[in-house]
PDB file of N, CA and C in Angstrom:
ATOM      1  N   MET A   1     166.822 -14.415 206.400  1.00  0.00           N
ATOM      2  CA  MET A   1     166.304 -14.085 208.081  1.00  0.00           C
ATOM      3  C   MET A   1     164.628 -13.867 207.663  1.00  0.00           C
ATOM      4  N   ARG A   2     163.778 -14.127 208.479  1.00  0.00           N
ATOM      5  CA  ARG A   2     162.349 -14.186 208.245  1.00  0.00           C
ATOM      6  C   ARG A   2     162.185 -12.851 209.212  1.00  0.00           C
ATOM      7  N   GLN A   3     161.376 -11.788 208.662  1.00  0.00           N
ATOM      8  CA  GLN A   3     160.812 -10.803 209.441  1.00  0.00           C
ATOM      9  C   GLN A   3     159.941 -10.962 210.581  1.00  0.00           C
ATOM     10  N   LYS A   4     160.141 -10.431 211.487  1.00  0.00           N
ATOM     11  CA  LYS A   4     159.005 -10.544 212.511  1.00  0.00           C
ATOM     12  C   LYS A   4     157.454  -9.955 212.222  1.00  0.00           C
ATOM     13  N   LYS A   5     156.389 -10.760 212.627  1.00  0.00           N
ATOM     14  CA  LYS A   5     155.155 -10.064 212.493  1.00  0.00           C
ATOM     15  C   LYS A   5     154.952  -8.536 213.322  1.00  0.00           C
ATOM     16  N   VAL A   6     154.284  -8.132 212.641  1.00  0.00           N
ATOM     17  CA  VAL A   6     153.868  -6.763 213.468  1.00  0.00           C
ATOM     18  C   VAL A   6     152.632  -7.223 213.755  1.00  0.00           C
ATOM     19  N   PRO A   7     152.265  -6.878 215.255  1.00  0.00           N
ATOM     20  CA  PRO A   7     151.084  -7.096 215.667  1.00  0.00           C
ATOM     21  C   PRO A   7     149.838  -6.133 215.488  1.00  0.00           C
ATOM     22  N   LEU A   8     149.039  -6.458 215.150  1.00  0.00           N
ATOM     23  CA  LEU A   8     148.112  -5.275 214.618  1.00  0.00           C
ATOM     24  C   LEU A   8     146.734  -5.502 215.661  1.00  0.00           C
ATOM     25  N   ARG A   9     146.281  -4.265 215.926  1.00  0.00           N
ATOM     26  CA  ARG A   9     144.862  -4.021 216.601  1.00  0.00           C
ATOM     27  C   ARG A   9     143.764  -3.162 216.073  1.00  0.00           C
ATOM     28  N   LYS A  10     142.612  -3.377 216.035  1.00  0.00           N
ATOM     29  CA  LYS A  10     141.676  -2.648 215.849  1.00  0.00           C
ATOM     30  C   LYS A  10     141.304  -1.762 216.805  1.00  0.00           C
ATOM     31  N   CYS A  11     141.068  -0.436 216.292  1.00  0.00           N
ATOM     32  CA  CYS A  11     140.796   0.642 217.076  1.00  0.00           C
ATOM     33  C   CYS A  11     139.101   0.718 217.054  1.00  0.00           C
ATOM     34  N   THR A  12     139.181   1.100 218.387  1.00  0.00           N
ATOM     35  CA  THR A  12     137.533   0.879 218.820  1.00  0.00           C
ATOM     36  C   THR A  12     136.867   2.000 218.547  1.00  0.00           C
ATOM     37  N   GLY A  13     137.276   3.014 217.799  1.00  0.00           N
ATOM     38  CA  GLY A  13     136.511   4.431 217.391  1.00  0.00           C
ATOM     39  C   GLY A  13     136.283   4.452 216.081  1.00  0.00           C
ATOM     40  N   CYS A  14     137.691   4.119 215.482  1.00  0.00           N
ATOM     41  CA  CYS A  14     137.525   4.228 213.740  1.00  0.00           C
ATOM     42  C   CYS A  14     137.263   2.817 212.990  1.00  0.00           C
ATOM     43  N   GLY A  15     137.927   1.972 213.951  1.00  0.00           N
ATOM     44  CA  GLY A  15     137.754   0.737 213.333  1.00  0.00           C
ATOM     45  C   GLY A  15     138.526   0.024 212.424  1.00  0.00           C
ATOM     46  N   GLU A  16     139.816   1.055 212.266  1.00  0.00           N
ATOM     47  CA  GLU A  16     140.944   0.733 211.435  1.00  0.00           C
ATOM     48  C   GLU A  16     141.354  -0.281 212.107  1.00  0.00           C
ATOM     49  N   MET A  17     142.377  -1.131 211.348  1.00  0.00           N
ATOM     50  CA  MET A  17     143.509  -2.005 211.782  1.00  0.00           C
ATOM     51  C   MET A  17     144.780  -1.132 211.682  1.00  0.00           C
ATOM     52  N   LYS A  18     145.347  -1.078 212.910  1.00  0.00           N
ATOM     53  CA  LYS A  18     146.755  -0.538 213.084  1.00  0.00           C
ATOM     54  C   LYS A  18     147.592  -1.337 213.646  1.00  0.00           C
ATOM     55  N   GLU A  19     148.825  -0.605 213.723  1.00  0.00           N
ATOM     56  CA  GLU A  19     150.028  -0.977 214.399  1.00  0.00           C
ATOM     57  C   GLU A  19     149.745  -1.325 215.955  1.00  0.00           C
ATOM     58  N   LYS A  20     150.106  -2.232 216.824  1.00  0.00           N
ATOM     59  CA  LYS A  20     149.790  -2.105 218.212  1.00  0.00           C
ATOM     60  C   LYS A  20     150.578  -0.722 218.759  1.00  0.00           C
ATOM     61  N   LYS A  21     151.799  -0.467 218.439  1.00  0.00           N
ATOM     62  CA  LYS A  21     152.521   0.745 219.070  1.00  0.00           C
ATOM     63  C   LYS A  21     151.746   1.973 218.584  1.00  0.00           C
ATOM     64  N   GLU A  22     151.003   1.829 217.569  1.00  0.00           N
ATOM     65  CA  GLU A  22     150.423   3.427 217.288  1.00  0.00           C
ATOM     66  C   GLU A  22     149.315   3.508 218.058  1.00  0.00           C
ATOM     67  N   LEU A  23     148.692   2.635 218.942  1.00  0.00           N
ATOM     68  CA  LEU A  23     147.245   2.803 219.491  1.00  0.00           C
ATOM     69  C   LEU A  23     147.644   2.940 220.956  1.00  0.00           C
ATOM     70  N   VAL A  24     146.618   3.306 221.581  1.00  0.00           N
ATOM     71  CA  VAL A  24     146.778   3.362 223.010  1.00  0.00           C
ATOM     72  C   VAL A  24     145.788   2.544 223.921  1.00  0.00           C
ATOM     73  N   ARG A  25     146.272   1.644 224.734  1.00  0.00           N
ATOM     74  CA  ARG A  25     145.536   0.286 225.309  1.00  0.00           C
ATOM     75  C   ARG A  25     144.680   1.243 226.394  1.00  0.00           C
ATOM     76  N   ILE A  26     143.636   0.747 226.486  1.00  0.00           N
ATOM     77  CA  ILE A  26     142.547   1.179 227.573  1.00  0.00           C
ATOM     78  C   ILE A  26     142.223  -0.330 228.518  1.00  0.00           C
ATOM     79  N   VAL A  27     142.256  -0.098 229.693  1.00  0.00           N
ATOM     80  CA  VAL A  27     142.350  -1.556 230.212  1.00  0.00           C
ATOM     81  C   VAL A  27     141.527  -1.776 231.172  1.00  0.00           C
ATOM     82  N   LYS A  28     140.815  -2.647 231.371  1.00  0.00           N
ATOM     83  CA  LYS A  28     139.741  -2.828 232.762  1.00  0.00           C
ATOM     84  C   LYS A  28     140.314  -3.708 233.596  1.00  0.00           C
ATOM     85  N   ALA A  29     140.686  -3.461 234.876  1.00  0.00           N
ATOM     86  CA  ALA A  29     141.490  -4.407 235.925  1.00  0.00           C
ATOM     87  C   ALA A  29     140.438  -5.347 236.411  1.00  0.00           C
ATOM     88  N   PRO A  30     141.195  -6.366 236.316  1.00  0.00           N
ATOM     89  CA  PRO A  30     140.429  -7.711 237.080  1.00  0.00           C
ATOM     90  C   PRO A  30     139.051  -7.137 238.457  1.00  0.00           C
ATOM     91  N   ASP A  31     137.936  -7.752 238.528  1.00  0.00           N
ATOM     92  CA  ASP A  31     137.167  -7.401 239.519  1.00  0.00           C
ATOM     93  C   ASP A  31     137.821  -7.874 240.832  1.00  0.00           C
ATOM     94  N   LEU A  32     137.761  -7.413 242.176  1.00  0.00           N
ATOM     95  CA  LEU A  32     138.279  -8.218 243.286  1.00  0.00           C
ATOM     96  C   LEU A  32     136.702  -8.653 243.848  1.00  0.00           C
ATOM     97  N   LYS A  33     137.381 -10.109 244.190  1.00  0.00           N
ATOM     98  CA  LYS A  33     135.801 -10.985 244.660  1.00  0.00           C
ATOM     99  C   LYS A  33     136.382 -11.856 245.832  1.00  0.00           C
ATOM    100  N   ASP A  34     135.600 -11.802 246.894  1.00  0.00           N
ATOM    101  CA  ASP A  34     135.740 -12.678 248.048  1.00  0.00           C
ATOM    102  C   ASP A  34     135.588 -14.077 247.979  1.00  0.00           C
ATOM    103  N   GLU A  35     135.872 -14.749 249.098  1.00  0.00           N
ATOM    104  CA  GLU A  35     136.021 -16.064 249.045  1.00  0.00           C
ATOM    105  C   GLU A  35     134.508 -16.903 248.493  1.00  0.00           C
ATOM    106  N   ASN A  36     133.580 -16.313 248.674  1.00  0.00           N
ATOM    107  CA  ASN A  36     132.212 -16.892 247.822  1.00  0.00           C
ATOM    108  C   ASN A  36     132.466 -16.830 246.354  1.00  0.00           C
ATOM    109  N   GLY A  37     133.373 -15.893 245.769  1.00  0.00           N
ATOM    110  CA  GLY A  37     133.279 -15.528 244.343  1.00  0.00           C
ATOM    111  C   GLY A  37     132.219 -14.481 244.164  1.00  0.00           C
ATOM    112  N   GLU A  38     131.806 -13.820 245.042  1.00  0.00           N
ATOM    113  CA  GLU A  38     130.893 -12.609 244.830  1.00  0.00           C
ATOM    114  C   GLU A  38     131.871 -11.329 244.431  1.00  0.00           C
ATOM    115  N   VAL A  39     131.552 -10.187 243.729  1.00  0.00           N
ATOM    116  CA  VAL A  39     132.673  -9.166 243.183  1.00  0.00           C
ATOM    117  C   VAL A  39     132.283  -8.071 244.237  1.00  0.00           C
ATOM    118  N   VAL A  40     133.207  -7.925 245.085  1.00  0.00           N
ATOM    119  CA  VAL A  40     133.136  -7.373 246.216  1.00  0.00           C
ATOM    120  C   VAL A  40     133.345  -5.167 245.316  1.00  0.00           C
ATOM    121  N   GLN A  41     134.457  -5.380 244.510  1.00  0.00           N
ATOM    122  CA  GLN A  41     134.835  -4.116 243.967  1.00  0.00           C
ATOM    123  C   GLN A  41     135.089  -4.144 242.413  1.00  0.00           C
ATOM    124  N   ALA A  42     134.385  -3.610 241.473  1.00  0.00           N
ATOM    125  CA  ALA A  42     134.742  -3.421 240.302  1.00  0.00           C
ATOM    126  C   ALA A  42     135.576  -3.119 239.767  1.00  0.00           C
ATOM    127  N   GLY A  43     136.394  -3.574 238.575  1.00  0.00           N
ATOM    128  CA  GLY A  43     137.812  -3.214 237.938  1.00  0.00           C
ATOM    129  C   GLY A  43     137.850  -1.691 237.682  1.00  0.00           C
ATOM    130  N   GLU A  44     138.940  -1.460 237.916  1.00  0.00           N
ATOM    131  CA  GLU A  44     138.899   0.177 237.485  1.00  0.00           C
ATOM    132  C   GLU A  44     139.525   0.325 236.288  1.00  0.00           C
ATOM    133  N   ILE A  45     138.772   1.414 235.230  1.00  0.00           N
ATOM    134  CA  ILE A  45     139.202   1.450 234.020  1.00  0.00           C
ATOM    135  C   ILE A  45     140.295   2.495 233.628  1.00  0.00           C
ATOM    136  N   SER A  46     141.515   2.312 233.253  1.00  0.00           N
ATOM    137  CA  SER A  46     142.634   3.236 233.212  1.00  0.00           C
ATOM    138  C   SER A  46     143.198   3.315 231.802  1.00  0.00           C
ATOM    139  N   VAL A  47     144.069   4.177 231.438  1.00  0.00           N
ATOM    140  CA  VAL A  47     144.702   4.298 230.179  1.00  0.00           C
ATOM    141  C   VAL A  47     146.172   3.554 230.523  1.00  0.00           C
ATOM    142  N   ASP A  48     146.522   2.661 229.481  1.00  0.00           N
ATOM    143  CA  ASP A  48     147.713   1.880 229.691  1.00  0.00           C
ATOM    144  C   ASP A  48     148.679   2.150 228.707  1.00  0.00           C
ATOM    145  N   PHE A  49     149.401   2.981 229.075  1.00  0.00           N
ATOM    146  CA  PHE A  49     150.575   3.533 227.603  1.00  0.00           C
ATOM    147  C   PHE A  49     151.746   2.664 227.609  1.00  0.00           C
ATOM    148  N   THR A  50     151.759   1.680 228.694  1.00  0.00           N
ATOM    149  CA  THR A  50     152.978   0.515 228.528  1.00  0.00           C
ATOM    150  C   THR A  50     152.389  -0.583 227.968  1.00  0.00           C
ATOM    151  N   GLY A  51     151.225  -0.908 227.867  1.00  0.00           N
ATOM    152  CA  GLY A  51     150.651  -1.890 227.509  1.00  0.00           C
ATOM    153  C   GLY A  51     151.096  -3.204 228.049  1.00  0.00           C
ATOM    154  N   LYS A  52     151.131  -2.988 229.267  1.00  0.00           N
ATOM    155  CA  LYS A  52     151.630  -4.320 230.237  1.00  0.00           C
ATOM    156  C   LYS A  52     150.804  -4.547 231.641  1.00  0.00           C
ATOM    157  N   LYS A  53     149.734  -3.770 232.047  1.00  0.00           N
ATOM    158  CA  LYS A  53     148.706  -3.841 232.766  1.00  0.00           C
ATOM    159  C   LYS A  53     148.189  -4.884 232.861  1.00  0.00           C
ATOM    160  N   PRO A  54     147.623  -5.776 233.862  1.00  0.00           N
ATOM    161  CA  PRO A  54     147.030  -7.022 233.801  1.00  0.00           C
ATOM    162  C   PRO A  54     145.254  -6.415 233.443  1.00  0.00           C
ATOM    163  N   GLY A  55     144.960  -7.332 233.056  1.00  0.00           N
ATOM    164  CA  GLY A  55     143.249  -7.035 232.591  1.00  0.00           C
ATOM    165  C   GLY A  55     142.871  -7.165 231.462  1.00  0.00           C
ATOM    166  N   ARG A  56     141.673  -6.716 230.766  1.00  0.00           N
ATOM    167  CA  ARG A  56     140.989  -6.937 229.671  1.00  0.00           C
ATOM    168  C   ARG A  56     141.500  -5.443 228.756  1.00  0.00           C
ATOM    169  N   GLY A  57     141.881  -5.742 227.744  1.00  0.00           N
ATOM    170  CA  GLY A  57     142.050  -4.358 227.097  1.00  0.00           C
ATOM    171  C   GLY A  57     141.464  -4.239 225.786  1.00  0.00           C
ATOM    172  N   ALA A  58     141.227  -2.775 225.487  1.00  0.00           N
ATOM    173  CA  ALA A  58     140.692  -2.260 224.267  1.00  0.00           C
ATOM    174  C   ALA A  58     141.648  -1.311 223.890  1.00  0.00           C
ATOM    175  N   TYR A  59     141.554  -1.326 222.110  1.00  0.00           N
ATOM    176  CA  TYR A  59     142.754  -0.358 221.705  1.00  0.00           C
ATOM    177  C   TYR A  59     142.027   1.052 220.965  1.00  0.00           C
ATOM    178  N   ILE A  60     142.717   2.063 221.237  1.00  0.00           N
ATOM    179  CA  ILE A  60     142.038   3.223 220.615  1.00  0.00           C
ATOM    180  C   ILE A  60     143.062   4.380 220.105  1.00  0.00           C
ATOM    181  N   CYS A  61     142.912   4.971 218.786  1.00  0.00           N
ATOM    182  CA  CYS A  61     143.553   5.917 218.101  1.00  0.00           C
ATOM    183  C   CYS A  61     143.917   6.923 219.071  1.00  0.00           C
ATOM    184  N   ARG A  62     144.929   7.628 219.348  1.00  0.00           N
ATOM    185  CA  ARG A  62     145.570   8.742 220.148  1.00  0.00           C
ATOM    186  C   ARG A  62     144.882  10.259 219.599  1.00  0.00           C
ATOM    187  N   SER A  63     143.438  10.064 219.624  1.00  0.00           N
ATOM    188  CA  SER A  63     142.618  11.207 219.070  1.00  0.00           C
ATOM    189  C   SER A  63     141.391  11.228 219.771  1.00  0.00           C
ATOM    190  N   ASN A  64     141.065  12.768 220.083  1.00  0.00           N
ATOM    191  CA  ASN A  64     139.650  12.704 220.773  1.00  0.00           C
ATOM    192  C   ASN A  64     138.858  12.345 220.000  1.00  0.00           C
ATOM    193  N   VAL A  65     138.541  12.037 218.410  1.00  0.00           N
ATOM    194  CA  VAL A  65     137.710  12.263 217.494  1.00  0.00           C
ATOM    195  C   VAL A  65     137.317  10.405 217.615  1.00  0.00           C
ATOM    196  N   CYS A  66     138.375   9.682 217.694  1.00  0.00           N
ATOM    197  CA  CYS A  66     138.105   8.327 217.868  1.00  0.00           C
ATOM    198  C   CYS A  66     137.609   7.906 219.317  1.00  0.00           C
ATOM    199  N   LEU A  67     137.946   8.667 220.585  1.00  0.00           N
ATOM    200  CA  LEU A  67     137.075   8.680 221.665  1.00  0.00           C
ATOM    201  C   LEU A  67     135.674   8.883 221.717  1.00  0.00           C
ATOM    202  N   ALA A  68     135.466  10.117 220.917  1.00  0.00           N
ATOM    203  CA  ALA A  68     133.911  10.852 220.876  1.00  0.00           C
ATOM    204  C   ALA A  68     133.433   9.625 219.987  1.00  0.00           C
ATOM    205  N   SER A  69     133.846   8.990 218.968  1.00  0.00           N
ATOM    206  CA  SER A  69     132.997   7.876 218.386  1.00  0.00           C
ATOM    207  C   SER A  69     133.075   6.493 219.075  1.00  0.00           C
ATOM    208  N   ALA A  70     133.826   6.297 219.873  1.00  0.00           N
ATOM    209  CA  ALA A  70     133.322   4.924 220.705  1.00  0.00           C
ATOM    210  C   ALA A  70     132.498   5.374 221.624  1.00  0.00           C
ATOM    211  N   LYS A  71     132.546   6.489 222.087  1.00  0.00           N
ATOM    212  CA  LYS A  71     131.643   7.016 222.973  1.00  0.00           C
ATOM    213  C   LYS A  71     130.191   7.006 222.676  1.00  0.00           C
ATOM    214  N   LYS A  72     130.180   7.621 221.710  1.00  0.00           N
ATOM    215  CA  LYS A  72     128.985   7.636 221.099  1.00  0.00           C
ATOM    216  C   LYS A  72     128.013   6.444 220.580  1.00  0.00           C
ATOM    217  N   ALA A  73     128.973   5.383 219.988  1.00  0.00           N
ATOM    218  CA  ALA A  73     128.543   4.012 219.867  1.00  0.00           C
ATOM    219  C   ALA A  73     128.699   2.969 220.742  1.00  0.00           C
ATOM    220  N   ARG A  74     129.193   3.212 222.098  1.00  0.00           N
ATOM    221  CA  ARG A  74     129.261   2.623 223.465  1.00  0.00           C
ATOM    222  C   ARG A  74     130.014   1.201 223.237  1.00  0.00           C
ATOM    223  N   ARG A  75     131.044   1.590 222.215  1.00  0.00           N
ATOM    224  CA  ARG A  75     132.073   0.526 222.012  1.00  0.00           C
ATOM    225  C   ARG A  75     132.881  -0.153 222.922  1.00  0.00           C
ATOM    226  N   LEU A  76     133.352   0.865 223.685  1.00  0.00           N
ATOM    227  CA  LEU A  76     134.058   0.443 225.202  1.00  0.00           C
ATOM    228  C   LEU A  76     133.458  -0.316 226.549  1.00  0.00           C
ATOM    229  N   GLU A  77     132.189   0.324 226.044  1.00  0.00           N
ATOM    230  CA  GLU A  77     131.390  -0.373 227.329  1.00  0.00           C
ATOM    231  C   GLU A  77     131.039  -2.003 226.492  1.00  0.00           C
ATOM    232  N   ARG A  78     130.830  -2.097 225.330  1.00  0.00           N
ATOM    233  CA  ARG A  78     130.816  -3.762 224.913  1.00  0.00           C
ATOM    234  C   ARG A  78     132.100  -4.411 225.250  1.00  0.00           C
ATOM    235  N   ALA A  79     133.518  -3.878 224.817  1.00  0.00           N
ATOM    236  CA  ALA A  79     134.623  -4.488 224.944  1.00  0.00           C
ATOM    237  C   ALA A  79     134.472  -4.860 226.685  1.00  0.00           C
ATOM    238  N   PHE A  80     134.194  -4.121 227.287  1.00  0.00           N
ATOM    239  CA  PHE A  80     134.082  -4.538 228.878  1.00  0.00           C
ATOM    240  C   PHE A  80     133.144  -4.812 229.700  1.00  0.00           C
ATOM    241  N   SER A  81     132.021  -5.290 228.985  1.00  0.00           N
ATOM    242  CA  SER A  81     130.690  -5.511 229.455  1.00  0.00           C
ATOM    243  C   SER A  81     130.401  -4.903 230.684  1.00  0.00           C
ATOM    244  N   CYS A  82     130.502  -3.579 230.657  1.00  0.00           N
ATOM    245  CA  CYS A  82     130.218  -2.883 232.211  1.00  0.00           C
ATOM    246  C   CYS A  82     129.674  -1.451 231.740  1.00  0.00           C
ATOM    247  N   LYS A  83     128.829  -0.783 232.694  1.00  0.00           N
ATOM    248  CA  LYS A  83     128.728   0.611 232.037  1.00  0.00           C
ATOM    249  C   LYS A  83     130.141   1.403 232.740  1.00  0.00           C
ATOM    250  N   ILE A  84     130.399   2.600 231.915  1.00  0.00           N
ATOM    251  CA  ILE A  84     131.494   3.385 232.047  1.00  0.00           C
ATOM    252  C   ILE A  84     130.637   4.920 232.051  1.00  0.00           C
ATOM    253  N   SER A  85     130.979   5.295 233.279  1.00  0.00           N
ATOM    254  CA  SER A  85     130.505   6.727 233.622  1.00  0.00           C
ATOM    255  C   SER A  85     131.124   7.631 232.857  1.00  0.00           C
ATOM    256  N   GLU A  86     130.691   8.867 232.867  1.00  0.00           N
ATOM    257  CA  GLU A  86     131.147   9.934 231.977  1.00  0.00           C
ATOM    258  C   GLU A  86     132.479  10.510 232.492  1.00  0.00           C
ATOM    259  N   GLU A  87     132.591  10.273 233.940  1.00  0.00           N
ATOM    260  CA  GLU A  87     133.828  10.823 234.593  1.00  0.00           C
ATOM    261  C   GLU A  87     135.223  10.129 233.973  1.00  0.00           C
ATOM    262  N   ILE A  88     134.940   8.750 233.474  1.00  0.00           N
ATOM    263  CA  ILE A  88     135.828   8.200 233.043  1.00  0.00           C
ATOM    264  C   ILE A  88     136.370   8.615 231.503  1.00  0.00           C
ATOM    265  N   TYR A  89     135.577   8.765 230.984  1.00  0.00           N
ATOM    266  CA  TYR A  89     135.654   9.563 229.389  1.00  0.00           C
ATOM    267  C   TYR A  89     136.084  10.630 229.405  1.00  0.00           C
ATOM    268  N   ASN A  90     135.988  11.628 230.725  1.00  0.00           N
ATOM    269  CA  ASN A  90     136.561  12.859 230.517  1.00  0.00           C
ATOM    270  C   ASN A  90     137.878  12.561 231.113  1.00  0.00           C
ATOM    271  N   LYS A  91     138.237  11.746 231.833  1.00  0.00           N
ATOM    272  CA  LYS A  91     139.366  11.439 232.355  1.00  0.00           C
ATOM    273  C   LYS A  91     140.404  10.946 231.144  1.00  0.00           C
ATOM    274  N   LEU A  92     139.805  10.358 230.363  1.00  0.00           N
ATOM    275  CA  LEU A  92     140.773   9.660 229.205  1.00  0.00           C
ATOM    276  C   LEU A  92     140.957  10.617 228.265  1.00  0.00           C
ATOM    277  N   GLU A  93     139.892  11.759 228.188  1.00  0.00           N
ATOM    278  CA  GLU A  93     139.983  12.841 227.111  1.00  0.00           C
ATOM    279  C   GLU A  93     141.557  13.783 227.608  1.00  0.00           C
ATOM    280  N   GLU A  94     141.520  14.120 228.870  1.00  0.00           N
ATOM    281  CA  GLU A  94     142.371  14.701 229.343  1.00  0.00           C
ATOM    282  C   GLU A  94     143.876  14.490 229.235  1.00  0.00           C
ATOM    283  N   GLU A  95     143.738  12.922 229.485  1.00  0.00           N
ATOM    284  CA  GLU A  95     144.694  12.273 229.233  1.00  0.00           C
ATOM    285  C   GLU A  95     145.333  12.324 227.583  1.00  0.00           C
ATOM    286  N   PHE A  96     144.717  12.055 226.882  1.00  0.00           N
ATOM    287  CA  PHE A  96     144.854  12.297 225.337  1.00  0.00           C
ATOM    288  C   PHE A  96     145.017  13.181 224.862  1.00  0.00           C
ATOM    289  N   THR A  97     144.908  14.887 225.747  1.00  0.00           N
ATOM    290  CA  THR A  97     145.164  16.044 225.094  1.00  0.00           C
ATOM    291  C   THR A  97     146.623  16.375 225.878  1.00  0.00           C
ATOM    292  N   GLY A  98     146.840  15.455 226.878  1.00  0.00           N
ATOM    293  CA  GLY A  98     147.947  15.996 227.905  1.00  0.00           C
ATOM    294  C   GLY A  98     149.123  15.248 227.686  1.00  0.00           C
ATOM    295  N   GLU A  99     149.348  14.586 226.633  1.00  0.00           N
ATOM    296  CA  GLU A  99     150.358  13.858 225.808  1.00  0.00           C
ATOM    297  C   GLU A  99     151.124  14.635 225.574  1.00  0.00           C
TER     298      GLU A  99
END
């Protein structure tokens, strides 16, 4: 019997390939657009512990060191193609320490 492949994802902080279940998914929800196709509301960035929320995802280790590294190099901003405010980083930091 064949073994299933273990899905691997790259941490945006340290750059290591790890198993998907070891990492936390950070997701940007899709933008809300009006009938003309113009963006009404930008998508919210949040932590997805289930891995099932819709939207663009980026993965990061469950450590504040990797989060700080990703913040310093602006890797999450590149992954989501948008500016990320300081309060979102603070919220992510609180959720990592609150686990």
